C-alpha atoms as a PDB file:
ATOM      1  CA  UNK A   1     -10.925   4.809  13.260  1.00  0.00           C
ATOM      2  CA  UNK A   2     -12.201   7.134  10.309  1.00  0.00           C
ATOM      3  CA  UNK A   3      -9.992   7.144   6.609  1.00  0.00           C
ATOM      4  CA  UNK A   4      -9.007  11.137   6.855  1.00  0.00           C
ATOM      5  CA  UNK A   5      -7.516  10.302  10.210  1.00  0.00           C
ATOM      6  CA  UNK A   6      -5.834   6.753   8.552  1.00  0.00           C
ATOM      7  CA  UNK A   7      -4.755   9.175   6.669  1.00  0.00           C
ATOM      8  CA  UNK A   8      -3.569  11.229   8.649  1.00  0.00           C
ATOM      9  CA  UNK A   9      -1.435   9.681  11.228  1.00  0.00           C
ATOM     10  CA  UNK A  10       0.091   7.378   8.740  1.00  0.00           C
ATOM     11  CA  UNK A  11       3.632   9.027   8.538  1.00  0.00           C
ATOM     12  CA  UNK A  12       4.059   7.852  12.686  1.00  0.00           C
ATOM     13  CA  UNK A  13       3.460   3.979  11.266  1.00  0.00           C
ATOM     14  CA  UNK A  14       7.206   4.710   8.570  1.00  0.00           C
ATOM     15  CA  UNK A  15      10.142   5.043   9.849  1.00  0.00           C
ATOM     16  CA  UNK A  16      12.112   8.205   8.801  1.00  0.00           C
ATOM     17  CA  UNK A  17      14.321   7.058   6.010  1.00  0.00           C
ATOM     18  CA  UNK A  18      11.574   4.580   4.803  1.00  0.00           C
ATOM     19  CA  UNK A  19      11.580   3.168   0.987  1.00  0.00           C
ATOM     20  CA  UNK A  20       8.264   2.590   0.205  1.00  0.00           C
ATOM     21  CA  UNK A  21       7.624   0.306  -3.531  1.00  0.00           C
ATOM     22  CA  UNK A  22       5.013  -0.124  -5.469  1.00  0.00           C
ATOM     23  CA  UNK A  23       4.520  -1.471  -9.350  1.00  0.00           C
ATOM     24  CA  UNK A  24       6.573   1.116 -11.474  1.00  0.00           C
ATOM     25  CA  UNK A  25       7.058   3.938  -8.667  1.00  0.00           C
ATOM     26  CA  UNK A  26       8.887   4.094  -5.444  1.00  0.00           C
ATOM     27  CA  UNK A  27       8.704   6.515  -2.212  1.00  0.00           C
ATOM     28  CA  UNK A  28      11.709   7.967  -0.288  1.00  0.00           C
ATOM     29  CA  UNK A  29      12.155   9.426   3.051  1.00  0.00           C
ATOM     30  CA  UNK A  30       9.843  10.698   5.262  1.00  0.00           C
ATOM     31  CA  UNK A  31       7.743  12.765   2.900  1.00  0.00           C
ATOM     32  CA  UNK A  32       7.590   8.867   1.954  1.00  0.00           C
ATOM     33  CA  UNK A  33       3.947   7.632   3.279  1.00  0.00           C
ATOM     34  CA  UNK A  34       2.293  11.521   2.329  1.00  0.00           C
ATOM     35  CA  UNK A  35       4.166  11.311  -1.751  1.00  0.00           C
ATOM     36  CA  UNK A  36       2.015   8.027  -1.724  1.00  0.00           C
ATOM     37  CA  UNK A  37      -0.545   9.620  -0.586  1.00  0.00           C
ATOM     38  CA  UNK A  38      -0.402  11.896  -2.990  1.00  0.00           C
ATOM     39  CA  UNK A  39      -0.184   9.372  -5.994  1.00  0.00           C
ATOM     40  CA  UNK A  40      -2.711   6.899  -5.332  1.00  0.00           C
ATOM     41  CA  UNK A  41      -5.670   9.866  -4.214  1.00  0.00           C
ATOM     42  CA  UNK A  42      -6.388   9.636  -8.650  1.00  0.00           C
ATOM     43  CA  UNK A  43      -6.062   6.155  -8.930  1.00  0.00           C
ATOM     44  CA  UNK A  44      -8.795   5.594  -6.579  1.00  0.00           C
ATOM     45  CA  UNK A  45     -11.809   6.483  -4.807  1.00  0.00           C
ATOM     46  CA  UNK A  46     -11.605   4.020  -2.069  1.00  0.00           C
ATOM     47  CA  UNK A  47      -9.723   0.489  -2.220  1.00  0.00           C
ATOM     48  CA  UNK A  48      -9.332  -2.493   0.761  1.00  0.00           C
ATOM     49  CA  UNK A  49      -7.937  -5.238   1.292  1.00  0.00           C
ATOM     50  CA  UNK A  50      -9.263  -9.463   1.679  1.00  0.00           C
ATOM     51  CA  UNK A  51      -6.181 -10.166   4.026  1.00  0.00           C
ATOM     52  CA  UNK A  52      -6.140 -14.147   2.962  1.00  0.00           C
ATOM     53  CA  UNK A  53      -2.487 -15.255   4.333  1.00  0.00           C
ATOM     54  CA  UNK A  54       0.027 -13.487   6.716  1.00  0.00           C
ATOM     55  CA  UNK A  55       3.294 -14.817   7.540  1.00  0.00           C
ATOM     56  CA  UNK A  56       5.815 -13.015  10.031  1.00  0.00           C
ATOM     57  CA  UNK A  57       9.722 -14.005  10.388  1.00  0.00           C
ATOM     58  CA  UNK A  58      11.631 -11.351  12.484  1.00  0.00           C
ATOM     59  CA  UNK A  59      11.830  -8.590  11.016  1.00  0.00           C
ATOM     60  CA  UNK A  60      10.261  -9.187   7.826  1.00  0.00           C
ATOM     61  CA  UNK A  61       6.192  -9.733   7.277  1.00  0.00           C
ATOM     62  CA  UNK A  62       4.216 -10.362   4.235  1.00  0.00           C
ATOM     63  CA  UNK A  63       0.352 -10.497   3.562  1.00  0.00           C
ATOM     64  CA  UNK A  64      -0.856 -12.028   0.943  1.00  0.00           C
ATOM     65  CA  UNK A  65      -4.658 -11.529  -0.700  1.00  0.00           C
ATOM     66  CA  UNK A  66      -6.446  -9.582  -2.970  1.00  0.00           C
ATOM     67  CA  UNK A  67      -8.187  -6.047  -3.572  1.00  0.00           C
ATOM     68  CA  UNK A  68     -11.373  -4.944  -4.019  1.00  0.00           C
ATOM     69  CA  UNK A  69     -12.573  -1.203  -4.200  1.00  0.00           C
ATOM     70  CA  UNK A  70     -13.717   1.835  -6.647  1.00  0.00           C
ATOM     71  CA  UNK A  71     -10.912   2.987  -8.859  1.00  0.00           C
ATOM     72  CA  UNK A  72     -10.364   6.360 -10.004  1.00  0.00           C
ATOM     73  CA  UNK A  73     -13.052   6.384 -12.902  1.00  0.00           C
ATOM     74  CA  UNK A  74     -16.399   5.531 -10.532  1.00  0.00           C
ATOM     75  CA  UNK A  75     -15.495   1.798 -11.764  1.00  0.00           C
ATOM     76  CA  UNK A  76     -15.503  -1.121  -8.949  1.00  0.00           C
ATOM     77  CA  UNK A  77     -12.962  -4.314  -8.849  1.00  0.00           C
ATOM     78  CA  UNK A  78     -12.424  -6.850  -6.733  1.00  0.00           C
ATOM     79  CA  UNK A  79     -10.425 -10.088  -6.452  1.00  0.00           C
ATOM     80  CA  UNK A  80      -7.416  -8.079  -7.956  1.00  0.00           C
ATOM     81  CA  UNK A  81      -4.805  -9.792  -6.307  1.00  0.00           C
ATOM     82  CA  UNK A  82      -2.245  -8.545  -4.087  1.00  0.00           C
ATOM     83  CA  UNK A  83       1.820  -9.256  -1.552  1.00  0.00           C
ATOM     84  CA  UNK A  84       3.204  -6.510   0.712  1.00  0.00           C
ATOM     85  CA  UNK A  85       6.706  -6.740   2.194  1.00  0.00           C
ATOM     86  CA  UNK A  86       7.041  -4.895   5.176  1.00  0.00           C
ATOM     87  CA  UNK A  87      10.578  -4.587   6.631  1.00  0.00           C
ATOM     88  CA  UNK A  88      10.399  -3.416  10.552  1.00  0.00           C
ATOM     89  CA  UNK A  89      13.183  -1.760  12.116  1.00  0.00           C
ATOM     90  CA  UNK A  90      12.650  -0.556  15.813  1.00  0.00           C
ATOM     91  CA  UNK A  91       8.643  -0.663  15.748  1.00  0.00           C
ATOM     92  CA  UNK A  92       8.624   1.402  12.429  1.00  0.00           C
ATOM     93  CA  UNK A  93       8.050  -0.424   8.866  1.00  0.00           C
ATOM     94  CA  UNK A  94      11.464   1.016   7.011  1.00  0.00           C
ATOM     95  CA  UNK A  95      10.569  -1.133   3.844  1.00  0.00           C
ATOM     96  CA  UNK A  96       6.880  -1.912   2.337  1.00  0.00           C
ATOM     97  CA  UNK A  97       7.603  -3.016  -1.229  1.00  0.00           C
ATOM     98  CA  UNK A  98       4.142  -3.806  -2.642  1.00  0.00           C
ATOM     99  CA  UNK A  99       3.305  -5.762  -5.664  1.00  0.00           C
ATOM    100  CA  UNK A 100      -0.227  -6.125  -7.391  1.00  0.00           C
ATOM    101  CA  UNK A 101      -2.055  -7.074 -10.234  1.00  0.00           C
ATOM    102  CA  UNK A 102      -4.001  -3.354 -11.178  1.00  0.00           C
ATOM    103  CA  UNK A 103      -2.540  -2.852 -14.091  1.00  0.00           C
ATOM    104  CA  UNK A 104      -2.548  -6.330 -14.653  1.00  0.00           C
ATOM    105  CA  UNK A 105      -6.558  -5.835 -14.572  1.00  0.00           C
ATOM    106  CA  UNK A 106      -6.076  -2.553 -16.121  1.00  0.00           C
ATOM    107  CA  UNK A 107      -6.773  -0.718 -13.147  1.00  0.00           C
ATOM    108  CA  UNK A 108      -4.265   1.650 -13.428  1.00  0.00           C
ATOM    109  CA  UNK A 109      -1.334   2.053 -14.761  1.00  0.00           C
ATOM    110  CA  UNK A 110       2.175   0.615 -13.627  1.00  0.00           C
END
């Protein structure tokens, strides 16, 4: 699936009352996925993950690894730590909490 297709369908993964939290910012409700993408757009040309660990317990899933990509200024970055915690309800993401070291590494602001 192309990146644009993924962006167009990201809302299908989230519950209508979803909460998405990144360092320094939170998005809520049906527009949370689109609002997140709009917020992220000037910060990164693209970003991807090396998932090192994935754990599931009941309705919670945790992904731990590193990020790599190109920031909004065109600079490459890699080996930036992240932790994502997903809460799933009725087959859709109801909450996503993201922690990462992008600000610590000077790649983006907190």
